Amino acid sequence: MDGRKRSDITIGSNVKVVQKPHQKSGELTEGIVAKLLTKSANHPHGIKVMLEGGIVGRVKEVNDN
């Protein structure tokens, strides 16, 4: 799943995000969602989340657990 729909992402989801400084390179960081930061139902660039540990980025992949 991609990360453009808020309903696909819950707190505790295992996701891969792209952080702001890595947008050009597309480097992904994997982690567990601690907080959903985007309020809208969907976003064309991915829902913004905070991972456990404080990393903020836009979800590019939701890993099925």
PDB file of N, CA and C in Angstrom:
ATOM      1  N   MET A   1       0.839  -1.193   0.000  1.00  0.00           N
ATOM      2  CA  MET A   1       0.000   0.000   0.000  1.00  0.00           C
ATOM      3  C   MET A   1       0.877   1.247   0.000  1.00  0.00           C
ATOM      4  N   ASP A   2       0.434   2.244  -0.726  1.00  0.00           N
ATOM      5  CA  ASP A   2       1.143   3.520  -0.624  1.00  0.00           C
ATOM      6  C   ASP A   2       0.555   4.292   0.566  1.00  0.00           C
ATOM      7  N   GLY A   3       1.116   5.431   0.872  1.00  0.00           N
ATOM      8  CA  GLY A   3       0.719   6.144   2.082  1.00  0.00           C
ATOM      9  C   GLY A   3      -0.101   7.382   1.841  1.00  0.00           C
ATOM     10  N   ARG A   4      -0.925   7.395   0.793  1.00  0.00           N
ATOM     11  CA  ARG A   4      -1.679   8.600   0.474  1.00  0.00           C
ATOM     12  C   ARG A   4      -3.040   8.682   1.154  1.00  0.00           C
ATOM     13  N   LYS A   5      -3.562   7.558   1.674  1.00  0.00           N
ATOM     14  CA  LYS A   5      -4.863   7.561   2.350  1.00  0.00           C
ATOM     15  C   LYS A   5      -4.665   7.420   3.859  1.00  0.00           C
ATOM     16  N   ARG A   6      -5.204   8.371   4.611  1.00  0.00           N
ATOM     17  CA  ARG A   6      -5.058   8.367   6.072  1.00  0.00           C
ATOM     18  C   ARG A   6      -5.673   7.111   6.695  1.00  0.00           C
ATOM     19  N   SER A   7      -6.751   6.611   6.085  1.00  0.00           N
ATOM     20  CA  SER A   7      -7.442   5.443   6.634  1.00  0.00           C
ATOM     21  C   SER A   7      -6.593   4.170   6.564  1.00  0.00           C
ATOM     22  N   ASP A   8      -5.559   4.150   5.718  1.00  0.00           N
ATOM     23  CA  ASP A   8      -4.679   2.976   5.596  1.00  0.00           C
ATOM     24  C   ASP A   8      -3.610   2.936   6.688  1.00  0.00           C
ATOM     25  N   ILE A   9      -3.472   4.027   7.443  1.00  0.00           N
ATOM     26  CA  ILE A   9      -2.373   4.162   8.407  1.00  0.00           C
ATOM     27  C   ILE A   9      -2.951   4.324   9.804  1.00  0.00           C
ATOM     28  N   THR A  10      -2.465   3.516  10.740  1.00  0.00           N
ATOM     29  CA  THR A  10      -2.893   3.644  12.136  1.00  0.00           C
ATOM     30  C   THR A  10      -1.663   3.750  13.020  1.00  0.00           C
ATOM     31  N   ILE A  11      -1.862   4.238  14.226  1.00  0.00           N
ATOM     32  CA  ILE A  11      -0.771   4.276  15.193  1.00  0.00           C
ATOM     33  C   ILE A  11      -0.346   2.835  15.447  1.00  0.00           C
ATOM     34  N   GLY A  12       0.947   2.588  15.368  1.00  0.00           N
ATOM     35  CA  GLY A  12       1.475   1.235  15.512  1.00  0.00           C
ATOM     36  C   GLY A  12       1.768   0.563  14.183  1.00  0.00           C
ATOM     37  N   SER A  13       1.356   1.196  13.062  1.00  0.00           N
ATOM     38  CA  SER A  13       1.640   0.635  11.737  1.00  0.00           C
ATOM     39  C   SER A  13       3.135   0.683  11.450  1.00  0.00           C
ATOM     40  N   ASN A  14       3.632  -0.343  10.761  1.00  0.00           N
ATOM     41  CA  ASN A  14       5.014  -0.384  10.301  1.00  0.00           C
ATOM     42  C   ASN A  14       5.044   0.254   8.916  1.00  0.00           C
ATOM     43  N   VAL A  15       5.765   1.369   8.770  1.00  0.00           N
ATOM     44  CA  VAL A  15       5.761   2.122   7.520  1.00  0.00           C
ATOM     45  C   VAL A  15       7.181   2.505   7.094  1.00  0.00           C
ATOM     46  N   LYS A  16       7.291   2.944   5.848  1.00  0.00           N
ATOM     47  CA  LYS A  16       8.525   3.553   5.346  1.00  0.00           C
ATOM     48  C   LYS A  16       8.182   4.978   4.964  1.00  0.00           C
ATOM     49  N   VAL A  17       8.976   5.940   5.458  1.00  0.00           N
ATOM     50  CA  VAL A  17       8.733   7.353   5.203  1.00  0.00           C
ATOM     51  C   VAL A  17       9.941   7.981   4.523  1.00  0.00           C
ATOM     52  N   VAL A  18       9.690   9.088   3.823  1.00  0.00           N
ATOM     53  CA  VAL A  18      10.777   9.911   3.301  1.00  0.00           C
ATOM     54  C   VAL A  18      10.797  11.187   4.135  1.00  0.00           C
ATOM     55  N   GLN A  19      11.974  11.488   4.699  1.00  0.00           N
ATOM     56  CA  GLN A  19      12.139  12.697   5.491  1.00  0.00           C
ATOM     57  C   GLN A  19      12.395  13.883   4.562  1.00  0.00           C
ATOM     58  N   LYS A  20      12.103  15.077   5.015  1.00  0.00           N
ATOM     59  CA  LYS A  20      12.256  16.290   4.202  1.00  0.00           C
ATOM     60  C   LYS A  20      13.653  16.398   3.560  1.00  0.00           C
ATOM     61  N   PRO A  21      14.748  16.187   4.307  1.00  0.00           N
ATOM     62  CA  PRO A  21      16.071  16.333   3.670  1.00  0.00           C
ATOM     63  C   PRO A  21      16.376  15.245   2.628  1.00  0.00           C
ATOM     64  N   HIS A  22      15.612  14.166   2.628  1.00  0.00           N
ATOM     65  CA  HIS A  22      15.876  13.047   1.715  1.00  0.00           C
ATOM     66  C   HIS A  22      14.896  12.984   0.548  1.00  0.00           C
ATOM     67  N   GLN A  23      14.084  14.032   0.355  1.00  0.00           N
ATOM     68  CA  GLN A  23      13.076  13.990  -0.702  1.00  0.00           C
ATOM     69  C   GLN A  23      13.687  13.844  -2.088  1.00  0.00           C
ATOM     70  N   LYS A  24      14.801  14.508  -2.350  1.00  0.00           N
ATOM     71  CA  LYS A  24      15.426  14.416  -3.681  1.00  0.00           C
ATOM     72  C   LYS A  24      16.026  13.041  -3.928  1.00  0.00           C
ATOM     73  N   SER A  25      16.669  12.465  -2.913  1.00  0.00           N
ATOM     74  CA  SER A  25      17.298  11.152  -3.080  1.00  0.00           C
ATOM     75  C   SER A  25      16.274  10.023  -2.980  1.00  0.00           C
ATOM     76  N   GLY A  26      15.159  10.272  -2.291  1.00  0.00           N
ATOM     77  CA  GLY A  26      14.135   9.249  -2.123  1.00  0.00           C
ATOM     78  C   GLY A  26      14.480   8.216  -1.064  1.00  0.00           C
ATOM     79  N   GLU A  27      15.494   8.502  -0.234  1.00  0.00           N
ATOM     80  CA  GLU A  27      15.901   7.570   0.826  1.00  0.00           C
ATOM     81  C   GLU A  27      14.763   7.362   1.816  1.00  0.00           C
ATOM     82  N   LEU A  28      14.432   6.097   2.083  1.00  0.00           N
ATOM     83  CA  LEU A  28      13.322   5.762   2.975  1.00  0.00           C
ATOM     84  C   LEU A  28      13.838   5.350   4.341  1.00  0.00           C
ATOM     85  N   THR A  29      13.063   5.688   5.366  1.00  0.00           N
ATOM     86  CA  THR A  29      13.347   5.307   6.742  1.00  0.00           C
ATOM     87  C   THR A  29      12.170   4.478   7.242  1.00  0.00           C
ATOM     88  N   GLU A  30      12.464   3.303   7.798  1.00  0.00           N
ATOM     89  CA  GLU A  30      11.409   2.417   8.291  1.00  0.00           C
ATOM     90  C   GLU A  30      11.192   2.641   9.779  1.00  0.00           C
ATOM     91  N   GLY A  31       9.932   2.546  10.202  1.00  0.00           N
ATOM     92  CA  GLY A  31       9.637   2.706  11.617  1.00  0.00           C
ATOM     93  C   GLY A  31       8.176   2.456  11.930  1.00  0.00           C
ATOM     94  N   ILE A  32       7.843   2.659  13.200  1.00  0.00           N
ATOM     95  CA  ILE A  32       6.488   2.451  13.713  1.00  0.00           C
ATOM     96  C   ILE A  32       5.842   3.816  13.941  1.00  0.00           C
ATOM     97  N   VAL A  33       4.605   3.987  13.439  1.00  0.00           N
ATOM     98  CA  VAL A  33       3.898   5.261  13.562  1.00  0.00           C
ATOM     99  C   VAL A  33       3.532   5.525  15.027  1.00  0.00           C
ATOM    100  N   ALA A  34       3.938   6.697  15.512  1.00  0.00           N
ATOM    101  CA  ALA A  34       3.582   7.124  16.866  1.00  0.00           C
ATOM    102  C   ALA A  34       2.458   8.158  16.833  1.00  0.00           C
ATOM    103  N   LYS A  35       2.395   8.951  15.732  1.00  0.00           N
ATOM    104  CA  LYS A  35       1.428  10.040  15.657  1.00  0.00           C
ATOM    105  C   LYS A  35       1.142  10.364  14.193  1.00  0.00           C
ATOM    106  N   LEU A  36      -0.141  10.579  13.871  1.00  0.00           N
ATOM    107  CA  LEU A  36      -0.540  11.029  12.530  1.00  0.00           C
ATOM    108  C   LEU A  36      -0.575  12.554  12.554  1.00  0.00           C
ATOM    109  N   LEU A  37       0.141  13.194  11.627  1.00  0.00           N
ATOM    110  CA  LEU A  37       0.221  14.653  11.629  1.00  0.00           C
ATOM    111  C   LEU A  37      -0.666  15.299  10.565  1.00  0.00           C
ATOM    112  N   THR A  38      -0.943  14.609   9.467  1.00  0.00           N
ATOM    113  CA  THR A  38      -1.837  15.141   8.434  1.00  0.00           C
ATOM    114  C   THR A  38      -3.274  14.920   8.871  1.00  0.00           C
ATOM    115  N   LYS A  39      -4.077  15.975   8.815  1.00  0.00           N
ATOM    116  CA  LYS A  39      -5.470  15.889   9.256  1.00  0.00           C
ATOM    117  C   LYS A  39      -6.422  15.480   8.137  1.00  0.00           C
ATOM    118  N   SER A  40      -6.070  15.778   6.876  1.00  0.00           N
ATOM    119  CA  SER A  40      -6.972  15.474   5.761  1.00  0.00           C
ATOM    120  C   SER A  40      -7.027  13.969   5.493  1.00  0.00           C
ATOM    121  N   ALA A  41      -8.081  13.530   4.809  1.00  0.00           N
ATOM    122  CA  ALA A  41      -8.306  12.107   4.537  1.00  0.00           C
ATOM    123  C   ALA A  41      -7.262  11.529   3.598  1.00  0.00           C
ATOM    124  N   ASN A  42      -6.735  12.358   2.691  1.00  0.00           N
ATOM    125  CA  ASN A  42      -5.657  11.893   1.820  1.00  0.00           C
ATOM    126  C   ASN A  42      -4.769  13.063   1.425  1.00  0.00           C
ATOM    127  N   HIS A  43      -3.577  12.727   0.938  1.00  0.00           N
ATOM    128  CA  HIS A  43      -2.595  13.737   0.540  1.00  0.00           C
ATOM    129  C   HIS A  43      -1.799  13.170  -0.619  1.00  0.00           C
ATOM    130  N   PRO A  44      -1.617  13.951  -1.700  1.00  0.00           N
ATOM    131  CA  PRO A  44      -0.960  13.416  -2.901  1.00  0.00           C
ATOM    132  C   PRO A  44       0.499  13.008  -2.699  1.00  0.00           C
ATOM    133  N   HIS A  45       1.180  13.572  -1.707  1.00  0.00           N
ATOM    134  CA  HIS A  45       2.590  13.242  -1.474  1.00  0.00           C
ATOM    135  C   HIS A  45       2.786  12.268  -0.315  1.00  0.00           C
ATOM    136  N   GLY A  46       1.702  11.838   0.308  1.00  0.00           N
ATOM    137  CA  GLY A  46       1.790  10.913   1.437  1.00  0.00           C
ATOM    138  C   GLY A  46       1.380  11.582   2.731  1.00  0.00           C
ATOM    139  N   ILE A  47       0.795  10.794   3.608  1.00  0.00           N
ATOM    140  CA  ILE A  47       0.367  11.285   4.915  1.00  0.00           C
ATOM    141  C   ILE A  47       1.600  11.537   5.779  1.00  0.00           C
ATOM    142  N   LYS A  48       1.662  12.691   6.426  1.00  0.00           N
ATOM    143  CA  LYS A  48       2.797  13.019   7.287  1.00  0.00           C
ATOM    144  C   LYS A  48       2.578  12.385   8.659  1.00  0.00           C
ATOM    145  N   VAL A  49       3.596  11.693   9.146  1.00  0.00           N
ATOM    146  CA  VAL A  49       3.529  11.016  10.441  1.00  0.00           C
ATOM    147  C   VAL A  49       4.792  11.282  11.245  1.00  0.00           C
ATOM    148  N   MET A  50       4.694  11.023  12.545  1.00  0.00           N
ATOM    149  CA  MET A  50       5.868  10.992  13.415  1.00  0.00           C
ATOM    150  C   MET A  50       6.076   9.548  13.827  1.00  0.00           C
ATOM    151  N   LEU A  51       7.292   9.067  13.630  1.00  0.00           N
ATOM    152  CA  LEU A  51       7.629   7.701  14.025  1.00  0.00           C
ATOM    153  C   LEU A  51       8.073   7.682  15.480  1.00  0.00           C
ATOM    154  N   GLU A  52       8.060   6.485  16.068  1.00  0.00           N
ATOM    155  CA  GLU A  52       8.636   6.333  17.409  1.00  0.00           C
ATOM    156  C   GLU A  52      10.101   6.758  17.291  1.00  0.00           C
ATOM    157  N   GLY A  53      10.556   7.610  18.191  1.00  0.00           N
ATOM    158  CA  GLY A  53      11.907   8.140  18.100  1.00  0.00           C
ATOM    159  C   GLY A  53      11.922   9.567  17.568  1.00  0.00           C
ATOM    160  N   GLY A  54      10.762  10.068  17.120  1.00  0.00           N
ATOM    161  CA  GLY A  54      10.653  11.465  16.750  1.00  0.00           C
ATOM    162  C   GLY A  54      10.902  11.816  15.293  1.00  0.00           C
ATOM    163  N   ILE A  55      11.201  10.850  14.431  1.00  0.00           N
ATOM    164  CA  ILE A  55      11.418  11.135  13.009  1.00  0.00           C
ATOM    165  C   ILE A  55      10.087  11.485  12.353  1.00  0.00           C
ATOM    166  N   VAL A  56      10.077  12.579  11.581  1.00  0.00           N
ATOM    167  CA  VAL A  56       8.878  13.022  10.870  1.00  0.00           C
ATOM    168  C   VAL A  56       9.107  12.865   9.380  1.00  0.00           C
ATOM    169  N   GLY A  57       8.108  12.320   8.707  1.00  0.00           N
ATOM    170  CA  GLY A  57       8.201  12.183   7.256  1.00  0.00           C
ATOM    171  C   GLY A  57       6.872  11.819   6.652  1.00  0.00           C
ATOM    172  N   ARG A  58       6.852  11.764   5.320  1.00  0.00           N
ATOM    173  CA  ARG A  58       5.640  11.390   4.595  1.00  0.00           C
ATOM    174  C   ARG A  58       5.694   9.909   4.242  1.00  0.00           C
ATOM    175  N   VAL A  59       4.589   9.198   4.487  1.00  0.00           N
ATOM    176  CA  VAL A  59       4.529   7.754   4.272  1.00  0.00           C
ATOM    177  C   VAL A  59       4.563   7.454   2.777  1.00  0.00           C
ATOM    178  N   LYS A  60       5.489   6.581   2.381  1.00  0.00           N
ATOM    179  CA  LYS A  60       5.585   6.121   0.993  1.00  0.00           C
ATOM    180  C   LYS A  60       5.146   4.668   0.861  1.00  0.00           C
ATOM    181  N   GLU A  61       5.280   3.885   1.933  1.00  0.00           N
ATOM    182  CA  GLU A  61       4.861   2.484   1.919  1.00  0.00           C
ATOM    183  C   GLU A  61       4.299   2.102   3.283  1.00  0.00           C
ATOM    184  N   VAL A  62       3.222   1.314   3.264  1.00  0.00           N
ATOM    185  CA  VAL A  62       2.684   0.732   4.492  1.00  0.00           C
ATOM    186  C   VAL A  62       2.982  -0.756   4.408  1.00  0.00           C
ATOM    187  N   ASN A  63       3.749  -1.268   5.359  1.00  0.00           N
ATOM    188  CA  ASN A  63       4.127  -2.686   5.354  1.00  0.00           C
ATOM    189  C   ASN A  63       3.025  -3.509   6.004  1.00  0.00           C
ATOM    190  N   ASP A  64       2.615  -4.568   5.338  1.00  0.00           N
ATOM    191  CA  ASP A  64       1.583  -5.456   5.890  1.00  0.00           C
ATOM    192  C   ASP A  64       2.170  -6.279   7.012  1.00  0.00           C
ATOM    193  N   ASN A  65       1.491  -6.265   8.141  1.00  0.00           N
ATOM    194  CA  ASN A  65       1.967  -7.057   9.310  1.00  0.00           C
ATOM    195  C   ASN A  65       1.010  -8.161   9.600  1.00  0.00           C
TER     196      ASN A  65
END
